[in-house]
C-alpha atoms as a PDB file:
ATOM      1  CA  MET A   1     -79.202 -76.093  24.247  1.00  0.00           C
ATOM      2  CA  PHE A   2     -76.582 -78.105  25.993  1.00  0.00           C
ATOM      3  CA  ASP A   3     -75.456 -81.882  23.794  1.00  0.00           C
ATOM      4  CA  LEU A   4     -73.720 -84.318  24.730  1.00  0.00           C
ATOM      5  CA  ILE A   5     -72.104 -87.082  22.897  1.00  0.00           C
ATOM      6  CA  VAL A   6     -70.635 -90.307  25.347  1.00  0.00           C
ATOM      7  CA  ILE A   7     -69.000 -92.695  23.086  1.00  0.00           C
ATOM      8  CA  ILE A   8     -68.933 -95.628  25.329  1.00  0.00           C
ATOM      9  CA  ARG A   9     -66.865 -98.966  24.549  1.00  0.00           C
ATOM     10  CA  VAL A  10     -67.188-102.334  27.324  1.00  0.00           C
ATOM     11  CA  PRO A  11     -63.639-104.837  27.279  1.00  0.00           C
ATOM     12  CA  GLU A  12     -64.677-107.598  28.639  1.00  0.00           C
ATOM     13  CA  ARG A  13     -67.251-109.462  25.667  1.00  0.00           C
ATOM     14  CA  THR A  14     -69.226-111.083  29.173  1.00  0.00           C
ATOM     15  CA  ASN A  15     -70.389-107.209  30.176  1.00  0.00           C
ATOM     16  CA  ILE A  16     -72.255-106.628  26.989  1.00  0.00           C
ATOM     17  CA  ASP A  17     -75.361-107.779  27.105  1.00  0.00           C
ATOM     18  CA  PRO A  18     -75.118-106.083  30.858  1.00  0.00           C
ATOM     19  CA  VAL A  19     -74.552-102.732  29.403  1.00  0.00           C
ATOM     20  CA  ALA A  20     -77.052-103.141  26.548  1.00  0.00           C
ATOM     21  CA  ASP A  21     -79.778-104.151  28.809  1.00  0.00           C
ATOM     22  CA  ALA A  22     -78.861-101.082  31.847  1.00  0.00           C
ATOM     23  CA  LEU A  23     -79.015 -98.132  29.073  1.00  0.00           C
ATOM     24  CA  PRO A  24     -82.771 -98.766  28.326  1.00  0.00           C
ATOM     25  CA  ARG A  25     -84.250 -98.536  31.320  1.00  0.00           C
ATOM     26  CA  MET A  26     -82.378 -95.616  31.754  1.00  0.00           C
ATOM     27  CA  ARG A  27     -83.660 -93.559  29.023  1.00  0.00           C
ATOM     28  CA  PRO A  28     -87.682 -92.429  30.927  1.00  0.00           C
ATOM     29  CA  MET A  29     -85.515 -91.588  33.614  1.00  0.00           C
ATOM     30  CA  CYS A  30     -83.701 -88.999  31.975  1.00  0.00           C
ATOM     31  CA  LEU A  31     -86.122 -88.384  29.711  1.00  0.00           C
ATOM     32  CA  ALA A  32     -88.207 -88.133  33.524  1.00  0.00           C
ATOM     33  CA  GLU A  33     -85.604 -84.927  34.259  1.00  0.00           C
ATOM     34  CA  ASP A  34     -86.086 -81.496  34.915  1.00  0.00           C
ATOM     35  CA  GLY A  35     -84.416 -80.339  31.441  1.00  0.00           C
ATOM     36  CA  CYS A  36     -83.897 -82.943  29.612  1.00  0.00           C
ATOM     37  CA  VAL A  37     -85.271 -82.371  26.112  1.00  0.00           C
ATOM     38  CA  SER A  38     -83.634 -85.830  24.423  1.00  0.00           C
ATOM     39  CA  TRP A  39     -81.900 -88.539  25.550  1.00  0.00           C
ATOM     40  CA  GLU A  40     -80.855 -91.676  22.990  1.00  0.00           C
ATOM     41  CA  ALA A  41     -78.650 -94.963  23.382  1.00  0.00           C
ATOM     42  CA  TYR A  42     -76.966 -96.545  20.162  1.00  0.00           C
ATOM     43  CA  GLN A  43     -75.507-100.323  19.977  1.00  0.00           C
ATOM     44  CA  SER A  44     -73.029-100.395  17.604  1.00  0.00           C
ATOM     45  CA  HIS A  45     -74.262-103.707  14.408  1.00  0.00           C
ATOM     46  CA  GLN A  46     -69.777-103.445  13.449  1.00  0.00           C
ATOM     47  CA  GLU A  47     -68.614-103.314  16.737  1.00  0.00           C
ATOM     48  CA  PRO A  48     -71.050-104.975  19.477  1.00  0.00           C
ATOM     49  CA  SER A  49     -68.927-103.319  22.300  1.00  0.00           C
ATOM     50  CA  ARG A  50     -69.400-100.171  21.355  1.00  0.00           C
ATOM     51  CA  PHE A  51     -72.101 -98.016  22.631  1.00  0.00           C
ATOM     52  CA  VAL A  52     -72.888 -93.708  21.339  1.00  0.00           C
ATOM     53  CA  LEU A  53     -74.797 -92.229  24.041  1.00  0.00           C
ATOM     54  CA  VAL A  54     -76.503 -88.696  22.234  1.00  0.00           C
ATOM     55  CA  GLU A  55     -78.663 -86.382  25.487  1.00  0.00           C
ATOM     56  CA  ARG A  56     -79.193 -82.413  24.455  1.00  0.00           C
ATOM     57  CA  TRP A  57     -79.946 -80.371  27.240  1.00  0.00           C
ATOM     58  CA  ALA A  58     -81.696 -77.611  28.781  1.00  0.00           C
ATOM     59  CA  SER A  59     -78.196 -75.931  29.603  1.00  0.00           C
ATOM     60  CA  ARG A  60     -75.223 -77.896  31.184  1.00  0.00           C
ATOM     61  CA  ALA A  61     -76.580 -77.105  34.386  1.00  0.00           C
ATOM     62  CA  HIS A  62     -79.390 -79.208  33.852  1.00  0.00           C
ATOM     63  CA  TRP A  63     -77.660 -82.100  32.708  1.00  0.00           C
ATOM     64  CA  GLU A  64     -75.325 -81.128  35.732  1.00  0.00           C
ATOM     65  CA  ALA A  65     -78.200 -81.885  37.835  1.00  0.00           C
ATOM     66  CA  HIS A  66     -78.558 -84.830  36.338  1.00  0.00           C
ATOM     67  CA  ASP A  67     -76.103 -86.107  37.859  1.00  0.00           C
ATOM     68  CA  ALA A  68     -78.108 -86.595  41.387  1.00  0.00           C
ATOM     69  CA  GLY A  69     -80.742 -88.188  39.902  1.00  0.00           C
ATOM     70  CA  ASP A  70     -81.544 -91.820  39.831  1.00  0.00           C
ATOM     71  CA  ALA A  71     -80.043 -92.738  36.348  1.00  0.00           C
ATOM     72  CA  ILE A  72     -77.343 -92.277  37.167  1.00  0.00           C
ATOM     73  CA  GLN A  73     -77.351 -93.152  40.815  1.00  0.00           C
ATOM     74  CA  LYS A  74     -79.693 -96.601  40.443  1.00  0.00           C
ATOM     75  CA  ILE A  75     -78.537 -97.705  37.302  1.00  0.00           C
ATOM     76  CA  TYR A  76     -74.897 -95.504  35.362  1.00  0.00           C
ATOM     77  CA  ILE A  77     -73.269 -95.975  39.165  1.00  0.00           C
ATOM     78  CA  PRO A  78     -73.625 -99.258  39.622  1.00  0.00           C
ATOM     79  CA  GLU A  79     -74.441-101.600  36.757  1.00  0.00           C
ATOM     80  CA  ILE A  80     -72.519 -99.484  33.455  1.00  0.00           C
ATOM     81  CA  MET A  81     -69.851 -97.406  35.010  1.00  0.00           C
ATOM     82  CA  PRO A  82     -67.772-100.679  36.279  1.00  0.00           C
ATOM     83  CA  ARG A  83     -68.445-102.146  33.333  1.00  0.00           C
ATOM     84  CA  ILE A  84     -67.321 -99.739  31.169  1.00  0.00           C
ATOM     85  CA  GLU A  85     -64.677 -96.753  29.376  1.00  0.00           C
ATOM     86  CA  ARG A  86     -65.682 -94.144  27.825  1.00  0.00           C
ATOM     87  CA  GLU A  87     -65.276 -90.728  26.629  1.00  0.00           C
ATOM     88  CA  VAL A  88     -67.713 -87.360  27.656  1.00  0.00           C
ATOM     89  CA  HIS A  89     -67.814 -84.904  24.627  1.00  0.00           C
ATOM     90  CA  PRO A  90     -69.560 -82.218  25.240  1.00  0.00           C
ATOM     91  CA  SER A  91     -70.974 -81.246  22.015  1.00  0.00           C
ATOM     92  CA  ILE A  92     -72.467 -78.086  19.515  1.00  0.00           C
ATOM     93  CA  ARG A  93     -73.828 -79.705  16.614  1.00  0.00           C
ATOM     94  CA  VAL A  94     -72.465 -79.028  13.222  1.00  0.00           C
ATOM     95  CA  HIS A  95     -74.529 -76.668  10.418  1.00  0.00           C
ATOM     96  CA  SER A  96     -74.255 -76.720   7.250  1.00  0.00           C
ATOM     97  CA  ARG A  97     -72.881 -72.756   5.170  1.00  0.00           C
ATOM     98  CA  HIS A  98     -77.004 -72.509   4.221  1.00  0.00           C
ATOM     99  CA  GLU A  99     -78.989 -74.203   7.004  1.00  0.00           C
ATOM    100  CA  ALA A 100     -80.347 -71.272   9.416  1.00  0.00           C
ATOM    101  CA  VAL A 101     -79.460 -71.327  12.409  1.00  0.00           C
ATOM    102  CA  THR A 102     -82.646 -71.295  14.573  1.00  0.00           C
ATOM    103  CA  GLU A 103     -80.522 -72.331  18.475  1.00  0.00           C
END
């Protein structure tokens, strides 16, 4: 599995709603892609200009292929990227010492 956390900040208040409207349109497109296990977008209640994407891919190669997909090419790049600052964090789940790891 390949997990990814993307932290998004929308610097201009007028761009918050367009980003919030575009992200949910990406979800079904991402989930339909080969290797997408899960894809969720969250917006902070406390700071509405902050969003977090939590993605799980079958492999890093699947995630890299995702760049050529419609979600990225038709929504993320033209509608979201010009409005945001972001941090991309390939991540691993932190397990409790007492939890059995099955991945």
